[in-house]
Amino acid sequence: MKIYSNPDLKVTLNNHHYGVNLTAFDEKLSKDFRLISINEDEQGKEFVSTMEHFKYPIYGVQWHPEKNMFEWDQNDDGTMYENIEHSFEAVLAAQYPANLFLNEARKNDQIFKDPVFEKSKLIYNYNSTVSSYGFIQSYYFDDLEF
């Protein structure tokens, strides 16, 4: 939390034009969601950047936790695309929601009954397609049989 709350560390990428403002959050979401963080957009307008449901494992982020660890692209002039921070602190900040998500997923007790069938469904069996951006990979599945 020290990393997130340090104003000198820019560890979350906030490149959005629209967000939930605090008034709308208070009026429409506050009975179900806990406000975790707020941020400011490029015009200095505050928005809700992280929230979690009081009862269910539902989280909302209006920032990009994936970018610090996984997006490495450059503009034509050689500068880093979107000024994505890749410092040690930024990567730690990105790992926190990733680990939270994985810990929530581990609570699910559903498993494949057949290990051979499970192995056939692993992502390593499929080819990814790289987008025109150069850093986004997509997977397309024809067979969704589970």
N, C-alpha and C. Protein backbone atom coordinates (compact mmCIF):
# COMPACT_ATOMS: atom_id res chain seq x y z
N MET A 1 0.82 -1.20 0.00
CA MET A 1 0.00 0.00 0.00
C MET A 1 0.86 1.26 0.00
N LYS A 2 2.09 1.13 0.56
CA LYS A 2 2.99 2.29 0.55
C LYS A 2 3.34 2.69 -0.88
N ILE A 3 3.50 1.72 -1.74
CA ILE A 3 3.84 2.02 -3.14
C ILE A 3 2.69 2.75 -3.81
N TYR A 4 1.47 2.23 -3.64
CA TYR A 4 0.30 2.86 -4.27
C TYR A 4 0.07 4.28 -3.78
N SER A 5 0.30 4.50 -2.50
CA SER A 5 -0.04 5.81 -1.92
C SER A 5 1.08 6.83 -2.02
N ASN A 6 2.24 6.45 -2.53
CA ASN A 6 3.35 7.39 -2.68
C ASN A 6 3.14 8.23 -3.94
N PRO A 7 2.92 9.54 -3.79
CA PRO A 7 2.64 10.38 -4.97
C PRO A 7 3.84 10.53 -5.91
N ASP A 8 5.03 10.21 -5.43
CA ASP A 8 6.22 10.30 -6.28
C ASP A 8 6.37 9.07 -7.20
N LEU A 9 5.67 8.01 -6.87
CA LEU A 9 5.74 6.79 -7.69
C LEU A 9 4.50 6.73 -8.58
N LYS A 10 4.70 6.74 -9.85
CA LYS A 10 3.60 6.66 -10.81
C LYS A 10 3.48 5.21 -11.28
N VAL A 11 2.85 4.37 -10.45
CA VAL A 11 2.85 2.94 -10.71
C VAL A 11 1.59 2.42 -11.39
N THR A 12 0.58 3.26 -11.53
CA THR A 12 -0.62 2.83 -12.24
C THR A 12 -0.80 3.68 -13.49
N LEU A 13 -1.13 3.02 -14.59
CA LEU A 13 -1.35 3.74 -15.84
C LEU A 13 -2.83 4.10 -15.93
N ASN A 14 -3.10 5.38 -15.93
CA ASN A 14 -4.47 5.91 -16.00
C ASN A 14 -4.61 6.71 -17.28
N ASN A 15 -4.95 6.05 -18.37
CA ASN A 15 -5.11 6.76 -19.64
C ASN A 15 -6.54 6.64 -20.14
N HIS A 16 -7.46 7.04 -19.27
CA HIS A 16 -8.88 6.93 -19.59
C HIS A 16 -9.50 8.31 -19.76
N HIS A 17 -10.57 8.34 -20.52
CA HIS A 17 -11.28 9.60 -20.74
C HIS A 17 -12.56 9.67 -19.91
N TYR A 18 -13.07 8.53 -19.49
CA TYR A 18 -14.31 8.49 -18.72
C TYR A 18 -14.10 7.63 -17.49
N GLY A 19 -14.75 7.97 -16.41
CA GLY A 19 -14.65 7.18 -15.20
C GLY A 19 -15.83 7.48 -14.31
N VAL A 20 -15.96 6.72 -13.27
CA VAL A 20 -17.02 6.92 -12.29
C VAL A 20 -16.56 8.01 -11.32
N ASN A 21 -17.29 9.12 -11.28
CA ASN A 21 -16.90 10.17 -10.34
C ASN A 21 -17.39 9.82 -8.93
N LEU A 22 -16.90 10.53 -7.94
CA LEU A 22 -17.21 10.19 -6.54
C LEU A 22 -18.68 10.36 -6.22
N THR A 23 -19.33 11.34 -6.80
CA THR A 23 -20.77 11.53 -6.55
C THR A 23 -21.57 10.35 -7.08
N ALA A 24 -21.29 9.93 -8.29
CA ALA A 24 -21.99 8.78 -8.87
C ALA A 24 -21.70 7.51 -8.08
N PHE A 25 -20.47 7.34 -7.62
CA PHE A 25 -20.14 6.18 -6.80
C PHE A 25 -20.97 6.19 -5.52
N ASP A 26 -20.98 7.33 -4.83
CA ASP A 26 -21.74 7.44 -3.58
C ASP A 26 -23.22 7.16 -3.80
N GLU A 27 -23.78 7.67 -4.89
CA GLU A 27 -25.22 7.53 -5.14
C GLU A 27 -25.60 6.14 -5.63
N LYS A 28 -24.78 5.51 -6.44
CA LYS A 28 -25.20 4.28 -7.13
C LYS A 28 -24.44 3.02 -6.73
N LEU A 29 -23.24 3.14 -6.21
CA LEU A 29 -22.42 1.95 -5.99
C LEU A 29 -22.01 1.73 -4.54
N SER A 30 -22.04 2.76 -3.72
CA SER A 30 -21.46 2.67 -2.38
C SER A 30 -22.17 1.68 -1.46
N LYS A 31 -23.41 1.32 -1.74
CA LYS A 31 -24.09 0.35 -0.88
C LYS A 31 -23.57 -1.07 -1.13
N ASP A 32 -22.98 -1.31 -2.30
CA ASP A 32 -22.47 -2.64 -2.64
C ASP A 32 -20.95 -2.71 -2.73
N PHE A 33 -20.29 -1.58 -2.97
CA PHE A 33 -18.85 -1.60 -3.21
C PHE A 33 -18.10 -0.70 -2.23
N ARG A 34 -16.93 -1.16 -1.85
CA ARG A 34 -16.00 -0.38 -1.02
C ARG A 34 -15.07 0.38 -1.96
N LEU A 35 -14.91 1.65 -1.70
CA LEU A 35 -14.00 2.47 -2.48
C LEU A 35 -12.58 2.21 -1.97
N ILE A 36 -11.71 1.78 -2.87
CA ILE A 36 -10.33 1.47 -2.50
C ILE A 36 -9.39 2.61 -2.88
N SER A 37 -9.57 3.15 -4.09
CA SER A 37 -8.69 4.24 -4.50
C SER A 37 -9.37 5.17 -5.48
N ILE A 38 -8.87 6.39 -5.49
CA ILE A 38 -9.30 7.38 -6.48
C ILE A 38 -8.05 7.88 -7.20
N ASN A 39 -8.23 8.42 -8.38
CA ASN A 39 -7.14 8.98 -9.14
C ASN A 39 -7.66 10.20 -9.88
N GLU A 40 -6.77 10.87 -10.60
CA GLU A 40 -7.16 12.01 -11.42
C GLU A 40 -6.85 11.71 -12.87
N ASP A 41 -7.77 12.13 -13.76
CA ASP A 41 -7.51 11.96 -15.18
C ASP A 41 -6.59 13.07 -15.67
N GLU A 42 -6.34 13.10 -16.96
CA GLU A 42 -5.40 14.06 -17.52
C GLU A 42 -5.84 15.51 -17.34
N GLN A 43 -7.14 15.73 -17.11
CA GLN A 43 -7.65 17.08 -16.88
C GLN A 43 -7.76 17.40 -15.38
N GLY A 44 -7.28 16.50 -14.52
CA GLY A 44 -7.32 16.72 -13.08
C GLY A 44 -8.64 16.37 -12.43
N LYS A 45 -9.53 15.69 -13.15
CA LYS A 45 -10.83 15.31 -12.63
C LYS A 45 -10.72 13.97 -11.89
N GLU A 46 -11.22 13.92 -10.66
CA GLU A 46 -11.14 12.70 -9.85
C GLU A 46 -12.09 11.63 -10.37
N PHE A 47 -11.64 10.38 -10.27
CA PHE A 47 -12.49 9.24 -10.61
C PHE A 47 -12.14 8.06 -9.71
N VAL A 48 -13.08 7.15 -9.58
CA VAL A 48 -12.87 5.93 -8.81
C VAL A 48 -11.95 5.02 -9.61
N SER A 49 -10.80 4.66 -9.03
CA SER A 49 -9.86 3.84 -9.78
C SER A 49 -9.84 2.39 -9.31
N THR A 50 -10.25 2.11 -8.07
CA THR A 50 -10.31 0.73 -7.59
C THR A 50 -11.45 0.59 -6.60
N MET A 51 -12.21 -0.49 -6.74
CA MET A 51 -13.29 -0.77 -5.80
C MET A 51 -13.45 -2.28 -5.66
N GLU A 52 -14.06 -2.69 -4.55
CA GLU A 52 -14.34 -4.11 -4.34
C GLU A 52 -15.72 -4.28 -3.73
N HIS A 53 -16.37 -5.37 -4.10
CA HIS A 53 -17.70 -5.66 -3.58
C HIS A 53 -17.58 -6.05 -2.11
N PHE A 54 -18.56 -5.64 -1.31
CA PHE A 54 -18.55 -5.98 0.11
C PHE A 54 -18.69 -7.47 0.36
N LYS A 55 -19.52 -8.14 -0.44
CA LYS A 55 -19.88 -9.53 -0.16
C LYS A 55 -19.26 -10.53 -1.13
N TYR A 56 -19.19 -10.19 -2.40
CA TYR A 56 -18.76 -11.13 -3.43
C TYR A 56 -17.35 -10.79 -3.93
N PRO A 57 -16.66 -11.77 -4.51
CA PRO A 57 -15.31 -11.51 -5.03
C PRO A 57 -15.36 -10.79 -6.38
N ILE A 58 -15.87 -9.57 -6.33
CA ILE A 58 -15.98 -8.74 -7.53
C ILE A 58 -15.16 -7.48 -7.28
N TYR A 59 -14.25 -7.21 -8.21
CA TYR A 59 -13.35 -6.07 -8.09
C TYR A 59 -13.44 -5.25 -9.36
N GLY A 60 -13.23 -3.98 -9.25
CA GLY A 60 -13.22 -3.11 -10.42
C GLY A 60 -12.01 -2.21 -10.37
N VAL A 61 -11.29 -2.15 -11.49
CA VAL A 61 -10.16 -1.22 -11.59
C VAL A 61 -10.32 -0.39 -12.84
N GLN A 62 -10.06 0.89 -12.71
CA GLN A 62 -10.06 1.80 -13.85
C GLN A 62 -8.61 2.24 -14.07
N TRP A 63 -7.75 1.24 -14.16
CA TRP A 63 -6.34 1.42 -14.49
C TRP A 63 -5.88 0.09 -15.05
N HIS A 64 -4.64 0.00 -15.46
CA HIS A 64 -4.17 -1.18 -16.18
C HIS A 64 -3.08 -1.92 -15.41
N PRO A 65 -3.45 -2.85 -14.53
CA PRO A 65 -2.42 -3.57 -13.78
C PRO A 65 -1.54 -4.47 -14.65
N GLU A 66 -1.98 -4.80 -15.84
CA GLU A 66 -1.20 -5.69 -16.70
C GLU A 66 -0.06 -4.99 -17.42
N LYS A 67 -0.17 -3.70 -17.60
CA LYS A 67 0.77 -3.00 -18.48
C LYS A 67 2.19 -2.94 -17.92
N ASN A 68 2.36 -2.74 -16.62
CA ASN A 68 3.69 -2.61 -16.04
C ASN A 68 4.55 -3.85 -16.28
N MET A 69 3.94 -5.00 -16.27
CA MET A 69 4.70 -6.24 -16.42
C MET A 69 4.80 -6.72 -17.86
N PHE A 70 3.81 -6.41 -18.70
CA PHE A 70 3.72 -7.11 -19.96
C PHE A 70 3.77 -6.26 -21.23
N GLU A 71 3.69 -4.98 -21.13
CA GLU A 71 3.67 -4.17 -22.35
C GLU A 71 4.95 -3.38 -22.50
N TRP A 72 5.66 -3.73 -23.54
CA TRP A 72 6.94 -3.08 -23.85
C TRP A 72 6.91 -2.71 -25.32
N ASP A 73 6.47 -1.53 -25.60
CA ASP A 73 6.42 -1.09 -26.98
C ASP A 73 6.94 0.34 -27.04
N GLN A 74 7.37 0.73 -28.21
CA GLN A 74 7.91 2.07 -28.37
C GLN A 74 7.17 2.83 -29.46
N ASN A 75 7.12 4.14 -29.29
CA ASN A 75 6.63 5.01 -30.34
C ASN A 75 7.67 5.07 -31.45
N ASP A 76 7.30 5.64 -32.58
CA ASP A 76 8.23 5.75 -33.71
C ASP A 76 9.49 6.52 -33.36
N ASP A 77 9.39 7.45 -32.40
CA ASP A 77 10.57 8.24 -32.03
C ASP A 77 11.46 7.55 -31.00
N GLY A 78 11.09 6.31 -30.59
CA GLY A 78 11.90 5.54 -29.65
C GLY A 78 11.49 5.67 -28.20
N THR A 79 10.57 6.60 -27.87
CA THR A 79 10.10 6.72 -26.49
C THR A 79 9.15 5.57 -26.19
N MET A 80 9.05 5.23 -24.91
CA MET A 80 8.18 4.13 -24.50
C MET A 80 6.72 4.49 -24.76
N TYR A 81 5.99 3.56 -25.33
CA TYR A 81 4.57 3.74 -25.63
C TYR A 81 3.79 3.95 -24.34
N GLU A 82 3.00 4.98 -24.28
CA GLU A 82 2.13 5.34 -23.16
C GLU A 82 2.88 5.65 -21.88
N ASN A 83 4.20 5.82 -21.92
CA ASN A 83 4.97 6.09 -20.70
C ASN A 83 4.71 5.07 -19.60
N ILE A 84 4.67 3.82 -19.96
CA ILE A 84 4.40 2.76 -19.00
C ILE A 84 5.61 2.60 -18.09
N GLU A 85 5.37 2.66 -16.81
CA GLU A 85 6.43 2.53 -15.80
C GLU A 85 6.76 1.05 -15.60
N HIS A 86 8.05 0.72 -15.66
CA HIS A 86 8.50 -0.67 -15.49
C HIS A 86 9.46 -0.82 -14.31
N SER A 87 9.40 0.11 -13.38
CA SER A 87 10.30 0.05 -12.22
C SER A 87 9.93 -1.14 -11.33
N PHE A 88 10.82 -1.45 -10.40
CA PHE A 88 10.58 -2.52 -9.43
C PHE A 88 9.26 -2.29 -8.70
N GLU A 89 9.04 -1.04 -8.27
CA GLU A 89 7.81 -0.71 -7.53
C GLU A 89 6.57 -0.87 -8.40
N ALA A 90 6.67 -0.48 -9.66
CA ALA A 90 5.52 -0.60 -10.57
C ALA A 90 5.17 -2.06 -10.82
N VAL A 91 6.18 -2.89 -10.95
CA VAL A 91 5.92 -4.33 -11.15
C VAL A 91 5.31 -4.93 -9.88
N LEU A 92 5.81 -4.56 -8.71
CA LEU A 92 5.20 -5.03 -7.46
C LEU A 92 3.74 -4.60 -7.36
N ALA A 93 3.48 -3.36 -7.73
CA ALA A 93 2.10 -2.85 -7.69
C ALA A 93 1.20 -3.62 -8.64
N ALA A 94 1.73 -4.04 -9.77
CA ALA A 94 0.95 -4.81 -10.74
C ALA A 94 0.74 -6.24 -10.28
N GLN A 95 1.70 -6.78 -9.55
CA GLN A 95 1.59 -8.16 -9.08
C GLN A 95 0.53 -8.31 -7.99
N TYR A 96 0.28 -7.26 -7.24
CA TYR A 96 -0.69 -7.37 -6.14
C TYR A 96 -2.09 -7.76 -6.64
N PRO A 97 -2.69 -7.03 -7.59
CA PRO A 97 -4.02 -7.45 -8.06
C PRO A 97 -3.98 -8.78 -8.80
N ALA A 98 -2.86 -9.08 -9.45
CA ALA A 98 -2.76 -10.38 -10.13
C ALA A 98 -2.80 -11.51 -9.11
N ASN A 99 -2.06 -11.37 -8.02
CA ASN A 99 -2.07 -12.39 -6.98
C ASN A 99 -3.42 -12.47 -6.27
N LEU A 100 -4.06 -11.32 -6.08
CA LEU A 100 -5.40 -11.30 -5.49
C LEU A 100 -6.37 -12.10 -6.37
N PHE A 101 -6.33 -11.85 -7.67
CA PHE A 101 -7.19 -12.55 -8.62
C PHE A 101 -6.93 -14.06 -8.57
N LEU A 102 -5.66 -14.46 -8.57
CA LEU A 102 -5.33 -15.88 -8.52
C LEU A 102 -5.80 -16.52 -7.22
N ASN A 103 -5.65 -15.83 -6.11
CA ASN A 103 -6.11 -16.38 -4.84
C ASN A 103 -7.62 -16.55 -4.82
N GLU A 104 -8.34 -15.63 -5.43
CA GLU A 104 -9.80 -15.79 -5.54
C GLU A 104 -10.13 -17.00 -6.42
N ALA A 105 -9.43 -17.15 -7.54
CA ALA A 105 -9.67 -18.28 -8.45
C ALA A 105 -9.36 -19.61 -7.78
N ARG A 106 -8.38 -19.64 -6.91
CA ARG A 106 -8.02 -20.89 -6.21
C ARG A 106 -9.12 -21.36 -5.27
N LYS A 107 -10.03 -20.51 -4.91
CA LYS A 107 -11.15 -20.91 -4.04
C LYS A 107 -12.16 -21.78 -4.78
N ASN A 108 -12.10 -21.79 -6.10
CA ASN A 108 -12.99 -22.61 -6.91
C ASN A 108 -12.52 -24.06 -6.84
N ASP A 109 -13.43 -24.96 -6.48
CA ASP A 109 -13.03 -26.36 -6.33
C ASP A 109 -13.31 -27.22 -7.56
N GLN A 110 -13.69 -26.59 -8.66
CA GLN A 110 -13.94 -27.36 -9.88
C GLN A 110 -12.62 -27.75 -10.53
N ILE A 111 -12.53 -29.00 -10.94
CA ILE A 111 -11.31 -29.50 -11.57
C ILE A 111 -11.69 -30.36 -12.77
N PHE A 112 -10.73 -30.55 -13.66
CA PHE A 112 -10.90 -31.51 -14.73
C PHE A 112 -10.80 -32.90 -14.12
N LYS A 113 -11.71 -33.79 -14.49
CA LYS A 113 -11.68 -35.15 -13.95
C LYS A 113 -10.65 -36.02 -14.67
N ASP A 114 -10.30 -35.66 -15.90
CA ASP A 114 -9.36 -36.44 -16.70
C ASP A 114 -8.13 -35.59 -17.00
N PRO A 115 -6.95 -35.96 -16.48
CA PRO A 115 -5.75 -35.15 -16.71
C PRO A 115 -5.33 -35.06 -18.18
N VAL A 116 -5.63 -36.06 -18.97
CA VAL A 116 -5.30 -36.01 -20.40
C VAL A 116 -6.17 -34.97 -21.10
N PHE A 117 -7.46 -34.96 -20.77
CA PHE A 117 -8.37 -33.97 -21.33
C PHE A 117 -7.98 -32.56 -20.86
N GLU A 118 -7.60 -32.44 -19.59
CA GLU A 118 -7.15 -31.15 -19.07
C GLU A 118 -5.93 -30.65 -19.85
N LYS A 119 -4.97 -31.51 -20.07
CA LYS A 119 -3.76 -31.12 -20.80
C LYS A 119 -4.10 -30.65 -22.21
N SER A 120 -5.13 -31.25 -22.81
CA SER A 120 -5.51 -30.84 -24.17
C SER A 120 -6.11 -29.44 -24.21
N LYS A 121 -6.53 -28.92 -23.10
CA LYS A 121 -7.16 -27.60 -23.04
C LYS A 121 -6.23 -26.49 -22.58
N LEU A 122 -4.97 -26.81 -22.28
CA LEU A 122 -4.03 -25.78 -21.84
C LEU A 122 -3.74 -24.79 -22.95
N ILE A 123 -3.47 -23.55 -22.57
CA ILE A 123 -3.25 -22.48 -23.54
C ILE A 123 -2.07 -22.76 -24.44
N TYR A 124 -1.13 -23.57 -23.97
CA TYR A 124 0.07 -23.88 -24.76
C TYR A 124 -0.26 -24.66 -26.03
N ASN A 125 -1.45 -25.21 -26.11
CA ASN A 125 -1.86 -25.97 -27.29
C ASN A 125 -2.40 -25.08 -28.41
N TYR A 126 -2.49 -23.80 -28.18
CA TYR A 126 -3.09 -22.89 -29.15
C TYR A 126 -2.09 -21.83 -29.57
N ASN A 127 -2.24 -21.35 -30.78
CA ASN A 127 -1.39 -20.28 -31.29
C ASN A 127 -2.03 -18.93 -31.00
N SER A 128 -1.19 -17.97 -30.69
CA SER A 128 -1.69 -16.62 -30.47
C SER A 128 -1.53 -15.81 -31.75
N THR A 129 -2.34 -14.76 -31.84
CA THR A 129 -2.27 -13.84 -32.95
C THR A 129 -1.83 -12.49 -32.40
N VAL A 130 -0.81 -11.90 -32.98
CA VAL A 130 -0.31 -10.61 -32.52
C VAL A 130 -1.07 -9.51 -33.25
N SER A 131 -1.52 -8.51 -32.48
CA SER A 131 -2.28 -7.41 -33.08
C SER A 131 -1.37 -6.44 -33.80
N SER A 132 -1.97 -5.48 -34.44
CA SER A 132 -1.19 -4.45 -35.15
C SER A 132 -0.42 -3.56 -34.18
N TYR A 133 -0.80 -3.55 -32.89
CA TYR A 133 -0.06 -2.76 -31.90
C TYR A 133 1.32 -3.36 -31.63
N GLY A 134 1.45 -4.66 -31.81
CA GLY A 134 2.74 -5.30 -31.60
C GLY A 134 2.93 -5.86 -30.21
N PHE A 135 2.07 -5.51 -29.26
CA PHE A 135 2.24 -6.05 -27.92
C PHE A 135 0.99 -6.77 -27.40
N ILE A 136 -0.07 -6.79 -28.16
CA ILE A 136 -1.29 -7.48 -27.74
C ILE A 136 -1.38 -8.80 -28.48
N GLN A 137 -1.51 -9.87 -27.70
CA GLN A 137 -1.70 -11.20 -28.28
C GLN A 137 -3.12 -11.64 -27.98
N SER A 138 -3.76 -12.23 -28.97
CA SER A 138 -5.12 -12.73 -28.82
C SER A 138 -5.15 -14.21 -29.16
N TYR A 139 -6.05 -14.91 -28.53
CA TYR A 139 -6.28 -16.32 -28.83
C TYR A 139 -7.70 -16.47 -29.35
N TYR A 140 -7.87 -17.24 -30.40
CA TYR A 140 -9.17 -17.50 -30.97
C TYR A 140 -9.42 -19.01 -30.89
N PHE A 141 -10.59 -19.38 -30.37
CA PHE A 141 -10.90 -20.78 -30.14
C PHE A 141 -12.11 -21.19 -30.97
N ASP A 142 -11.96 -22.27 -31.70
CA ASP A 142 -13.10 -22.85 -32.42
C ASP A 142 -13.80 -23.89 -31.55
N ASP A 143 -13.04 -24.60 -30.73
CA ASP A 143 -13.56 -25.69 -29.92
C ASP A 143 -13.64 -25.24 -28.47
N LEU A 144 -14.82 -25.04 -27.99
CA LEU A 144 -15.00 -24.62 -26.59
C LEU A 144 -15.62 -25.73 -25.75
N GLU A 145 -15.44 -26.95 -26.14
CA GLU A 145 -16.00 -28.07 -25.40
C GLU A 145 -15.21 -28.31 -24.12
N PHE A 146 -15.93 -28.35 -23.01
CA PHE A 146 -15.28 -28.64 -21.73
C PHE A 146 -15.92 -29.86 -21.19
